[in-house]
Amino acid sequence: MQASASLPISSACERNREPILQALLSYLIVDETQPQRLEHNRLVLEISSGTGQHAAYFTQHFSQAVNFPSLKSLRWQPSDVREQLAGIDLWRKKANNANFLSPIELNLKSAQWAPDRYDFAYTANSLHIVSWPLVLEFCRGVITTLRPGGLLFIYGPFNYDGRFTSYSNELFDSNLRHRDEHSGLRDFTALTEALCSAASRQGATMELQADIPMPANNQLLVFKKASIKSAY
């Protein structure tokens, strides 16, 4: 990460923000032609917001979506460990729109998750940074805080069947583990099983909706929380 005199800047966020936004929109936009009414302003929880650039870029788009009222009312809640909050708040002040909420502290080591609070949860390039026990805590917490029917979006590089999808991902994994032996690229199957197990313990299911290829050997995984009764 690079930093200017004021706003924290991540070059990766600059590169991936538009492809991620375009992939998210089909899940975030409510079909305005359908006779359905949103009963509340929908909330997105971003976990490990980092610099806050994704929140700023996405919510700028939401606030300007004149033809999509469901986006204009979508609220984005950034979160991260305490030391990241000031930088995120700088981006919030620069964005200056109601969709971008004040960042909140959320540390996976000691997180307090509000039950059934959010319609969507989103995280980007985070699960390969933390240890596997914290990935499991992420799974438990995000299922707790998603409303029934809520969607989880996870962006980043993943392994499949224990194998890297590219040489660059293999090098990236090696660098991560050299820095911290407990970090590293997560296997798609292991992550999916962890989410499903955590959901089952809470009387719910997590159903994979999509596994979307993204630029630079990344993926966007989309999961849906459902009750066990509604799954049959």
Protein backbone atom coordinates (compact mmCIF):
# COMPACT_ATOMS: atom_id res chain seq x y z
CA MET A 1 0.00 0.00 0.00
CA GLN A 2 1.19 3.50 -0.83
CA ALA A 3 0.03 6.58 1.01
CA SER A 4 -0.31 10.20 -0.02
CA ALA A 5 -0.16 13.07 2.47
CA SER A 6 -3.82 12.49 3.20
CA LEU A 7 -5.75 9.63 1.60
CA PRO A 8 -4.39 6.07 1.90
CA ILE A 9 -4.00 4.56 -1.57
CA SER A 10 -3.89 0.94 -2.69
CA SER A 11 -2.93 0.41 -6.34
CA ALA A 12 -4.71 -2.97 -6.31
CA CYS A 13 -7.96 -1.24 -5.39
CA GLU A 14 -7.51 1.17 -8.27
CA ARG A 15 -7.12 -1.73 -10.68
CA ASN A 16 -9.88 -4.05 -9.49
CA ARG A 17 -12.65 -1.67 -8.36
CA GLU A 18 -14.47 -1.38 -11.70
CA PRO A 19 -14.54 -5.13 -12.56
CA ILE A 20 -15.75 -5.91 -9.04
CA LEU A 21 -18.45 -3.24 -9.20
CA GLN A 22 -19.76 -4.54 -12.51
CA ALA A 23 -19.90 -8.10 -11.13
CA LEU A 24 -21.74 -6.94 -8.00
CA LEU A 25 -24.38 -4.83 -9.72
CA SER A 26 -26.48 -7.73 -11.00
CA TYR A 27 -26.91 -8.87 -7.39
CA LEU A 28 -27.44 -5.45 -5.83
CA ILE A 29 -29.97 -3.96 -8.23
CA VAL A 30 -33.62 -4.73 -7.56
CA ASP A 31 -35.71 -5.17 -10.70
CA GLU A 32 -37.65 -1.91 -10.72
CA THR A 33 -40.32 -3.36 -13.02
CA GLN A 34 -41.42 -5.90 -10.41
CA PRO A 35 -44.25 -4.98 -8.00
CA GLN A 36 -42.11 -5.48 -4.91
CA ARG A 37 -41.36 -3.04 -2.15
CA LEU A 38 -38.14 -2.79 -0.17
CA GLU A 39 -39.13 -2.83 3.48
CA HIS A 40 -35.90 -1.20 4.67
CA ASN A 41 -32.83 0.56 3.36
CA ARG A 42 -30.54 -2.33 2.51
CA LEU A 43 -27.17 -2.57 4.24
CA VAL A 44 -23.84 -3.96 3.02
CA LEU A 45 -21.17 -4.88 5.56
CA GLU A 46 -17.67 -4.66 4.11
CA ILE A 47 -15.25 -6.71 6.21
CA SER A 48 -11.58 -5.63 6.17
CA SER A 49 -12.18 -2.45 4.19
CA GLY A 50 -8.48 -1.57 4.10
CA THR A 51 -8.00 1.89 2.66
CA GLY A 52 -11.72 2.48 2.08
CA GLN A 53 -11.31 2.96 -1.67
CA HIS A 54 -13.83 0.28 -2.63
CA ALA A 55 -16.42 1.83 -0.34
CA ALA A 56 -15.79 5.27 -1.84
CA TYR A 57 -15.91 4.10 -5.45
CA PHE A 58 -18.93 1.82 -5.10
CA THR A 59 -21.04 4.28 -3.10
CA GLN A 60 -20.27 7.09 -5.53
CA HIS A 61 -21.80 4.90 -8.22
CA PHE A 62 -24.79 4.06 -6.01
CA SER A 63 -25.51 7.71 -5.19
CA GLN A 64 -25.48 8.63 -8.88
CA ALA A 65 -27.67 5.73 -10.04
CA VAL A 66 -30.63 7.88 -11.03
CA ASN A 67 -32.39 5.06 -12.88
CA PHE A 68 -31.97 2.56 -10.03
CA PRO A 69 -33.65 3.71 -6.79
CA SER A 70 -32.68 0.44 -5.12
CA LEU A 71 -29.01 1.42 -5.51
CA LYS A 72 -29.52 4.99 -4.38
CA SER A 73 -30.90 3.70 -1.06
CA LEU A 74 -28.19 1.06 -0.57
CA ARG A 75 -25.99 1.81 2.46
CA TRP A 76 -22.38 0.60 2.67
CA GLN A 77 -20.93 -0.10 6.12
CA PRO A 78 -17.11 -0.31 6.04
CA SER A 79 -15.27 -2.02 8.89
CA ASP A 80 -11.72 -2.94 9.85
CA VAL A 81 -9.31 -3.06 12.76
CA ARG A 82 -8.99 0.17 14.73
CA GLU A 83 -5.81 1.46 13.10
CA GLN A 84 -7.43 1.43 9.65
CA LEU A 85 -10.51 3.46 10.57
CA ALA A 86 -9.01 6.94 10.26
CA GLY A 87 -7.91 6.34 6.67
CA ILE A 88 -11.30 4.90 5.73
CA ASP A 89 -12.98 7.93 7.25
CA LEU A 90 -10.86 10.23 5.09
CA TRP A 91 -12.30 8.51 2.03
CA ARG A 92 -15.80 8.80 3.50
CA LYS A 93 -15.41 12.54 3.95
CA LYS A 94 -14.05 12.89 0.42
CA ALA A 95 -16.96 10.85 -1.00
CA ASN A 96 -19.47 13.01 0.91
CA ASN A 97 -22.54 10.90 0.23
CA ALA A 98 -25.08 9.28 2.52
CA ASN A 99 -24.48 5.78 1.13
CA PHE A 100 -20.98 5.66 2.70
CA LEU A 101 -21.46 5.12 6.45
CA SER A 102 -18.88 5.90 9.14
CA PRO A 103 -16.47 2.98 9.52
CA ILE A 104 -16.83 0.67 12.49
CA GLU A 105 -14.23 -1.43 14.27
CA LEU A 106 -14.38 -5.12 13.47
CA ASN A 107 -11.48 -7.31 14.50
CA LEU A 108 -11.97 -10.99 13.69
CA LYS A 109 -10.07 -11.90 16.86
CA SER A 110 -12.72 -10.29 19.06
CA ALA A 111 -15.63 -9.38 16.80
CA GLN A 112 -19.13 -8.84 18.14
CA TRP A 113 -21.51 -9.71 15.30
CA ALA A 114 -25.00 -8.17 15.24
CA PRO A 115 -27.46 -10.99 14.39
CA ASP A 116 -29.51 -10.69 11.18
CA ARG A 117 -28.28 -7.14 10.59
CA TYR A 118 -27.05 -6.99 6.99
CA ASP A 119 -28.52 -7.81 3.60
CA PHE A 120 -25.09 -8.28 2.04
CA ALA A 121 -21.56 -8.94 3.26
CA TYR A 122 -18.48 -8.23 1.16
CA THR A 123 -14.76 -8.75 1.58
CA ALA A 124 -11.88 -8.40 -0.87
CA ASN A 125 -8.35 -9.79 -0.65
CA SER A 126 -8.63 -10.57 3.04
CA LEU A 127 -8.96 -14.30 3.70
CA HIS A 128 -5.46 -15.12 2.44
CA ILE A 129 -4.01 -12.51 4.81
CA VAL A 130 -5.42 -13.88 8.07
CA SER A 131 -4.87 -17.29 9.67
CA TRP A 132 -7.20 -20.21 9.02
CA PRO A 133 -8.72 -19.98 12.54
CA LEU A 134 -9.67 -16.38 11.73
CA VAL A 135 -11.14 -17.53 8.41
CA LEU A 136 -13.35 -19.87 10.45
CA GLU A 137 -14.31 -16.98 12.72
CA PHE A 138 -15.14 -14.96 9.62
CA CYS A 139 -17.43 -17.78 8.44
CA ARG A 140 -19.22 -17.98 11.78
CA GLY A 141 -19.61 -14.23 12.13
CA VAL A 142 -20.75 -13.42 8.64
CA ILE A 143 -23.47 -16.07 8.80
CA THR A 144 -24.60 -14.64 12.14
CA THR A 145 -24.89 -11.10 10.84
CA LEU A 146 -26.49 -11.78 7.44
CA ARG A 147 -30.27 -11.61 7.23
CA PRO A 148 -32.02 -14.75 5.91
CA GLY A 149 -31.67 -14.60 2.14
CA GLY A 150 -28.60 -12.37 2.44
CA LEU A 151 -25.69 -12.63 0.03
CA LEU A 152 -21.99 -12.97 0.78
CA PHE A 153 -19.40 -11.76 -1.76
CA ILE A 154 -15.78 -12.88 -1.42
CA TYR A 155 -13.20 -11.52 -3.86
CA GLY A 156 -9.65 -12.77 -4.21
CA PRO A 157 -7.41 -15.56 -5.51
CA PHE A 158 -8.27 -19.17 -4.62
CA ASN A 159 -6.87 -22.62 -5.16
CA TYR A 160 -8.99 -25.41 -6.65
CA ASP A 161 -8.48 -29.06 -5.74
CA GLY A 162 -5.38 -27.99 -3.82
CA ARG A 163 -3.77 -26.49 -6.92
CA PHE A 164 -2.84 -22.98 -7.94
CA THR A 165 -4.65 -21.56 -10.94
CA SER A 166 -1.60 -19.63 -12.14
CA TYR A 167 2.13 -19.29 -11.55
CA SER A 168 1.61 -15.73 -10.32
CA ASN A 169 -0.77 -17.00 -7.65
CA GLU A 170 1.80 -19.59 -6.60
CA LEU A 171 4.43 -16.86 -6.22
CA PHE A 172 1.97 -14.70 -4.33
CA ASP A 173 1.22 -17.55 -1.93
CA SER A 174 4.93 -18.14 -1.36
CA ASN A 175 5.45 -14.48 -0.53
CA LEU A 176 2.51 -14.49 1.87
CA ARG A 177 3.77 -17.56 3.73
CA HIS A 178 7.31 -16.17 3.88
CA ARG A 179 5.94 -13.12 5.64
CA ASP A 180 3.48 -15.06 7.83
CA GLU A 181 3.35 -18.85 7.86
CA HIS A 182 -0.30 -18.78 8.90
CA SER A 183 -1.45 -16.87 5.82
CA GLY A 184 -1.78 -18.09 2.23
CA LEU A 185 -4.28 -18.67 -0.57
CA ARG A 186 -7.37 -20.56 0.54
CA ASP A 187 -8.77 -23.59 -1.21
CA PHE A 188 -12.23 -23.09 -2.69
CA THR A 189 -13.55 -26.41 -1.40
CA ALA A 190 -12.17 -25.92 2.11
CA LEU A 191 -13.69 -22.44 2.33
CA THR A 192 -17.05 -23.61 1.01
CA GLU A 193 -17.12 -26.49 3.51
CA ALA A 194 -16.20 -24.10 6.35
CA LEU A 195 -19.07 -21.79 5.44
CA CYS A 196 -21.55 -24.66 5.15
CA SER A 197 -20.45 -26.15 8.47
CA ALA A 198 -20.72 -22.81 10.25
CA ALA A 199 -24.16 -22.26 8.74
CA SER A 200 -25.37 -25.70 9.76
CA ARG A 201 -24.39 -25.03 13.38
CA GLN A 202 -26.62 -21.94 13.25
CA GLY A 203 -29.60 -23.72 11.68
CA ALA A 204 -28.96 -22.28 8.23
CA THR A 205 -27.39 -23.14 4.90
CA MET A 206 -24.89 -21.33 2.69
CA GLU A 207 -25.53 -22.02 -0.97
CA LEU A 208 -23.03 -21.16 -3.68
CA GLN A 209 -24.72 -18.90 -6.23
CA ALA A 210 -21.78 -18.11 -8.50
CA ASP A 211 -18.03 -18.47 -8.92
CA ILE A 212 -17.11 -15.63 -11.26
CA PRO A 213 -13.69 -15.43 -12.95
CA MET A 214 -12.15 -11.98 -12.50
CA PRO A 215 -9.06 -10.28 -13.93
CA ALA A 216 -5.55 -11.16 -12.70
CA ASN A 217 -6.44 -14.73 -11.68
CA ASN A 218 -8.99 -13.71 -9.06
CA GLN A 219 -12.54 -14.93 -8.42
CA LEU A 220 -15.73 -13.46 -7.00
CA LEU A 221 -17.59 -16.05 -4.95
CA VAL A 222 -21.27 -15.43 -4.21
CA PHE A 223 -23.06 -17.35 -1.44
CA LYS A 224 -26.65 -17.09 -0.19
CA LYS A 225 -27.77 -17.65 3.38
CA ALA A 226 -31.00 -19.61 3.76
CA SER A 227 -32.81 -21.37 6.58
CA ILE A 228 -32.69 -25.15 6.53
CA LYS A 229 -36.47 -25.29 6.10
CA SER A 230 -36.38 -23.08 3.00
CA ALA A 231 -33.63 -25.16 1.45
CA TYR A 232 -36.01 -28.03 0.70
